[in-house]
Amino acid sequence: METEIRIVIADADEDFRYLLSETLDCEDDLWVVGTASDGGAAMLLAAQEKPDVLLLDLMLPEIDGVEVLRRLKNTGQPPIAIVVSAFFNQQTFSLCSELGAYYFLPKPCDVSALVELIRRAYRDKHPHSGAVPLPSSEDYILEAEITEILHEIGVPAHIRGYNFLREAIILTVANQELINAVTTQLYPAVAEKFNATAVQVERAIRRAIEIAWNRGNIDVLQKYFGYTVSSEKGKPTNCEFIAMLTDCILLRNKWRTQSKAK
């Protein structure tokens, strides 16, 4: 029999807690022993249930997630904390790392990836009482940054085009030549990861951009796309959208690298 990994979920969103709990409990080796809607309840559950893993949002009432991490660290034997939150920036990432979080997963997250992360965290847990340090991962930081931008622009997280767009930008940041081969290389690469077709990827991305353009905040759109935001020009093509956000990410990374060098 596999070892059951005991889990507590702390998140203010009732629907998210319920759906995540139901999904995790379907796994033979995972057991959600409790859920909490605020930081105080999360602390109480951690003390009572002694979970192996705490899935923690940062935006919690009463006691926020950062303070929960700080207090748990002071107990001497904190659970492995995986932060699952839409609230992200580099300062928060670093602070969570200092407070012993194992990983910081941006919302919306791929639940299958979260399941594997929980298992990996459990396998990697050290025998001593100190918290496991947050992995330093450029790939993770990139994914979180892209997630933050897509949220800000207004691309709905529940549609397929959202994940397709995020993956397309990740691939293009890694290899800028792909922007010149969107149809022949980029779409097929995204399709392969999500078990889709290149045509489905193209259509889903186009739909995601259309929704963001029709429903998004005009000031935010102008921030990223400048002069292209106008009723006369209409929404950008898939290629233009991906290229502009890729350039934005690359410029941010260049600025951060130069800042660190000073």
Protein backbone atom coordinates (compact mmCIF):
# COMPACT_ATOMS: atom_id res chain seq x y z
CA MET A 1 0.00 0.00 0.00
CA GLU A 2 1.31 3.42 -0.92
CA THR A 3 1.98 5.96 1.80
CA GLU A 4 -0.87 8.46 2.02
CA ILE A 5 0.23 12.06 1.82
CA ARG A 6 -1.84 14.14 4.21
CA ILE A 7 -2.84 17.53 2.80
CA VAL A 8 -4.49 20.70 4.10
CA ILE A 9 -5.87 23.26 1.64
CA ALA A 10 -6.03 26.92 2.74
CA ASP A 11 -7.86 29.13 0.26
CA ALA A 12 -10.57 31.78 0.58
CA ASP A 13 -12.33 30.56 -2.57
CA GLU A 14 -14.89 27.93 -1.53
CA ASP A 15 -15.33 26.54 -5.05
CA PHE A 16 -11.59 26.19 -5.52
CA ARG A 17 -11.23 24.39 -2.18
CA TYR A 18 -14.04 21.98 -3.02
CA LEU A 19 -12.90 21.18 -6.55
CA LEU A 20 -9.25 20.78 -5.57
CA SER A 21 -10.17 18.62 -2.60
CA GLU A 22 -12.37 16.37 -4.75
CA THR A 23 -9.63 16.01 -7.36
CA LEU A 24 -6.85 15.22 -4.90
CA ASP A 25 -8.96 12.71 -3.00
CA CYS A 26 -9.38 10.73 -6.22
CA GLU A 27 -5.66 9.92 -6.07
CA ASP A 28 -4.87 6.74 -4.09
CA ASP A 29 -1.87 8.24 -2.33
CA LEU A 30 -3.32 11.69 -1.49
CA TRP A 31 -5.65 12.48 1.41
CA VAL A 32 -7.09 15.93 2.09
CA VAL A 33 -7.48 15.95 5.87
CA GLY A 34 -8.97 19.44 6.05
CA THR A 35 -9.64 22.72 4.30
CA ALA A 36 -9.53 26.29 5.63
CA SER A 37 -10.96 29.55 4.34
CA ASP A 38 -8.73 31.85 6.42
CA GLY A 39 -5.26 31.94 7.89
CA GLY A 40 -6.35 31.33 11.46
CA ALA A 41 -8.19 28.14 10.52
CA ALA A 42 -5.19 27.05 8.47
CA MET A 43 -2.91 27.41 11.50
CA LEU A 44 -5.36 25.44 13.66
CA LEU A 45 -5.63 22.63 11.10
CA ALA A 46 -1.87 22.47 10.74
CA ALA A 47 -1.54 22.05 14.50
CA GLN A 48 -4.34 19.48 14.81
CA GLU A 49 -3.89 17.36 11.71
CA LYS A 50 -0.10 17.52 11.28
CA PRO A 51 -0.36 17.44 7.47
CA ASP A 52 2.56 16.51 5.28
CA VAL A 53 1.69 19.25 2.78
CA LEU A 54 -0.07 22.60 3.08
CA LEU A 55 -1.48 24.11 -0.13
CA LEU A 56 -1.61 27.80 0.71
CA ASP A 57 -3.03 30.86 -1.00
CA LEU A 58 -1.53 34.19 0.03
CA MET A 59 -4.78 36.18 -0.08
CA LEU A 60 -6.41 34.89 3.11
CA PRO A 61 -8.61 36.81 5.58
CA GLU A 62 -7.61 37.30 9.24
CA ILE A 63 -4.03 36.04 8.76
CA ASP A 64 -2.58 36.23 5.26
CA GLY A 65 -0.56 33.45 3.68
CA VAL A 66 2.81 35.10 4.24
CA GLU A 67 2.12 35.41 7.97
CA VAL A 68 0.97 31.78 8.06
CA LEU A 69 4.33 30.76 6.57
CA ARG A 70 6.16 32.92 9.11
CA ARG A 71 4.30 31.44 12.08
CA LEU A 72 4.58 27.87 10.84
CA LYS A 73 8.31 28.28 10.38
CA ASN A 74 8.58 29.23 14.05
CA THR A 75 6.84 26.01 15.15
CA GLY A 76 9.96 24.02 14.35
CA GLN A 77 8.16 21.30 12.36
CA PRO A 78 6.11 23.00 9.65
CA PRO A 79 4.41 21.04 6.87
CA ILE A 80 5.79 21.30 3.36
CA ALA A 81 4.18 24.51 2.09
CA ILE A 82 3.27 24.86 -1.57
CA VAL A 83 1.97 28.34 -2.32
CA VAL A 84 -0.82 28.32 -4.93
CA SER A 85 -1.74 31.93 -5.57
CA ALA A 86 -2.62 34.47 -8.25
CA PHE A 87 -0.78 37.14 -6.25
CA PHE A 88 2.77 37.10 -7.51
CA ASN A 89 5.79 39.32 -7.90
CA GLN A 90 9.51 38.82 -7.45
CA GLN A 91 9.51 40.26 -3.93
CA THR A 92 6.76 37.88 -2.83
CA PHE A 93 8.54 34.96 -4.45
CA SER A 94 11.73 35.75 -2.53
CA LEU A 95 9.89 36.27 0.76
CA CYS A 96 8.06 32.94 0.48
CA SER A 97 11.39 31.29 -0.23
CA GLU A 98 12.94 32.82 2.88
CA LEU A 99 9.98 31.62 4.95
CA GLY A 100 10.49 28.03 3.83
CA ALA A 101 7.94 27.49 1.06
CA TYR A 102 8.81 24.53 -1.12
CA TYR A 103 7.36 25.97 -4.32
CA PHE A 104 5.23 28.84 -5.61
CA LEU A 105 2.66 27.78 -8.22
CA PRO A 106 0.72 30.55 -9.94
CA LYS A 107 -3.04 30.35 -10.36
CA PRO A 108 -4.68 29.10 -12.43
CA CYS A 109 -2.61 25.97 -12.15
CA ASP A 110 -2.60 22.65 -13.94
CA VAL A 111 -3.95 20.24 -11.31
CA SER A 112 -2.07 17.28 -12.78
CA ALA A 113 1.14 19.30 -12.41
CA LEU A 114 0.17 20.16 -8.83
CA VAL A 115 -0.40 16.47 -8.04
CA GLU A 116 3.08 15.58 -9.27
CA LEU A 117 4.54 18.55 -7.39
CA ILE A 118 2.97 17.31 -4.14
CA ARG A 119 4.45 13.86 -4.68
CA ARG A 120 7.85 15.29 -5.52
CA ALA A 121 7.77 17.53 -2.47
CA TYR A 122 6.93 14.57 -0.26
CA ARG A 123 9.75 12.48 -1.74
CA ASP A 124 12.21 15.34 -1.37
CA LYS A 125 11.33 16.15 2.21
CA HIS A 126 14.39 16.31 4.46
CA PRO A 127 14.39 14.43 7.77
CA HIS A 128 15.33 17.53 9.76
CA SER A 129 12.76 20.05 10.94
CA GLY A 130 13.82 22.92 8.69
CA ALA A 131 11.67 23.85 5.74
CA VAL A 132 12.73 22.75 2.27
CA PRO A 133 14.08 25.75 0.32
CA LEU A 134 12.17 27.04 -2.66
CA PRO A 135 13.79 25.81 -5.88
CA SER A 136 15.47 28.53 -7.88
CA SER A 137 13.87 28.05 -11.27
CA GLU A 138 14.13 30.47 -14.17
CA ASP A 139 11.49 28.41 -15.99
CA TYR A 140 9.09 28.83 -13.10
CA ILE A 141 9.70 32.59 -12.83
CA LEU A 142 9.05 32.93 -16.57
CA GLU A 143 5.81 30.97 -16.37
CA ALA A 144 4.62 32.99 -13.39
CA GLU A 145 5.41 36.27 -15.14
CA ILE A 146 3.51 35.25 -18.27
CA THR A 147 0.59 34.12 -16.13
CA GLU A 148 0.53 37.49 -14.39
CA ILE A 149 0.47 39.36 -17.73
CA LEU A 150 -2.30 37.20 -19.22
CA HIS A 151 -4.39 37.77 -16.09
CA GLU A 152 -3.83 41.50 -16.32
CA ILE A 153 -4.74 41.64 -19.99
CA GLY A 154 -7.95 39.74 -19.32
CA VAL A 155 -7.48 36.39 -21.04
CA PRO A 156 -9.94 34.02 -19.28
CA ALA A 157 -8.07 31.27 -17.45
CA HIS A 158 -10.74 28.62 -18.01
CA ILE A 159 -10.53 28.50 -21.80
CA ARG A 160 -8.10 26.31 -23.79
CA GLY A 161 -6.58 29.29 -25.55
CA TYR A 162 -5.20 30.55 -22.25
CA ASN A 163 -2.93 27.55 -21.76
CA PHE A 164 -2.05 27.47 -25.45
CA LEU A 165 -1.06 31.14 -25.34
CA ARG A 166 1.05 30.73 -22.22
CA GLU A 167 2.92 27.78 -23.71
CA ALA A 168 3.41 29.58 -27.04
CA ILE A 169 4.97 32.58 -25.28
CA ILE A 170 7.21 30.35 -23.14
CA LEU A 171 8.48 28.59 -26.26
CA THR A 172 8.97 31.85 -28.15
CA VAL A 173 10.92 33.46 -25.31
CA ALA A 174 13.24 30.44 -25.37
CA ASN A 175 13.57 30.55 -29.16
CA GLN A 176 12.64 33.83 -30.84
CA GLU A 177 12.96 32.27 -34.30
CA LEU A 178 9.67 30.48 -33.68
CA ILE A 179 7.78 33.74 -34.23
CA ASN A 180 8.78 33.44 -37.88
CA ALA A 181 7.41 29.89 -38.06
CA VAL A 182 4.17 30.13 -36.10
CA THR A 183 2.14 27.84 -38.35
CA THR A 184 4.81 25.30 -39.20
CA GLN A 185 6.63 25.00 -35.85
CA LEU A 186 5.05 26.91 -32.94
CA TYR A 187 1.46 25.69 -33.22
CA PRO A 188 2.53 22.05 -33.71
CA ALA A 189 4.83 22.27 -30.66
CA VAL A 190 2.02 23.61 -28.47
CA ALA A 191 -0.41 21.07 -29.90
CA GLU A 192 1.91 18.19 -29.06
CA LYS A 193 2.08 19.16 -25.40
CA PHE A 194 -1.70 19.45 -25.00
CA ASN A 195 -2.69 16.53 -27.23
CA ALA A 196 -4.40 18.85 -29.67
CA THR A 197 -4.00 19.78 -33.33
CA ALA A 198 -2.25 22.82 -34.74
CA VAL A 199 -5.57 24.05 -36.13
CA GLN A 200 -7.20 23.76 -32.69
CA VAL A 201 -4.30 25.70 -31.14
CA GLU A 202 -4.58 28.49 -33.73
CA ARG A 203 -8.35 28.83 -33.29
CA ALA A 204 -8.26 28.69 -29.50
CA ILE A 205 -5.55 31.35 -29.29
CA ARG A 206 -7.46 33.56 -31.72
CA ARG A 207 -10.59 33.19 -29.58
CA ALA A 208 -8.68 34.00 -26.36
CA ILE A 209 -7.27 37.18 -27.90
CA GLU A 210 -10.70 38.17 -29.17
CA ILE A 211 -12.25 37.82 -25.71
CA ALA A 212 -9.44 39.81 -24.07
CA TRP A 213 -9.75 42.54 -26.70
CA ASN A 214 -13.51 42.84 -26.31
CA ARG A 215 -13.66 42.63 -22.52
CA GLY A 216 -10.25 43.80 -21.34
CA ASN A 217 -9.29 47.11 -19.77
CA ILE A 218 -8.27 49.54 -22.54
CA ASP A 219 -5.54 51.12 -20.38
CA VAL A 220 -3.96 47.72 -19.73
CA LEU A 221 -4.15 46.79 -23.42
CA GLN A 222 -2.49 50.06 -24.41
CA LYS A 223 0.22 49.43 -21.81
CA TYR A 224 1.28 46.26 -23.62
CA PHE A 225 0.23 46.93 -27.21
CA GLY A 226 0.43 50.72 -27.57
CA TYR A 227 -0.71 52.17 -30.87
CA THR A 228 -2.20 48.85 -32.04
CA VAL A 229 -5.13 49.29 -29.65
CA SER A 230 -7.76 51.13 -31.65
CA SER A 231 -11.17 50.49 -33.13
CA GLU A 232 -9.74 51.09 -36.62
CA LYS A 233 -6.93 48.53 -36.37
CA GLY A 234 -8.90 45.89 -34.48
CA LYS A 235 -7.30 43.14 -32.42
CA PRO A 236 -3.77 41.93 -33.19
CA THR A 237 -3.17 38.68 -35.02
CA ASN A 238 -2.03 35.66 -33.04
CA CYS A 239 1.50 36.23 -34.27
CA GLU A 240 1.48 39.93 -33.31
CA PHE A 241 0.06 39.17 -29.86
CA ILE A 242 2.64 36.49 -29.10
CA ALA A 243 5.49 38.59 -30.52
CA MET A 244 4.60 41.69 -28.48
CA LEU A 245 4.30 39.83 -25.19
CA THR A 246 7.51 37.93 -25.94
CA ASP A 247 9.31 41.25 -26.51
CA CYS A 248 7.87 42.58 -23.26
CA ILE A 249 9.17 39.57 -21.31
CA LEU A 250 12.60 39.75 -22.95
CA LEU A 251 12.92 43.47 -22.20
CA ARG A 252 11.94 42.91 -18.56
CA ASN A 253 14.52 40.14 -18.23
CA LYS A 254 17.19 42.34 -19.82
CA TRP A 255 16.37 45.18 -17.44
CA ARG A 256 16.51 42.85 -14.42
CA THR A 257 19.85 41.43 -15.55
CA GLN A 258 21.32 44.92 -15.99
CA SER A 259 19.94 46.02 -12.61
CA LYS A 260 21.56 43.08 -10.84
CA ALA A 261 24.88 43.82 -12.55
CA LYS A 262 25.00 47.37 -11.21
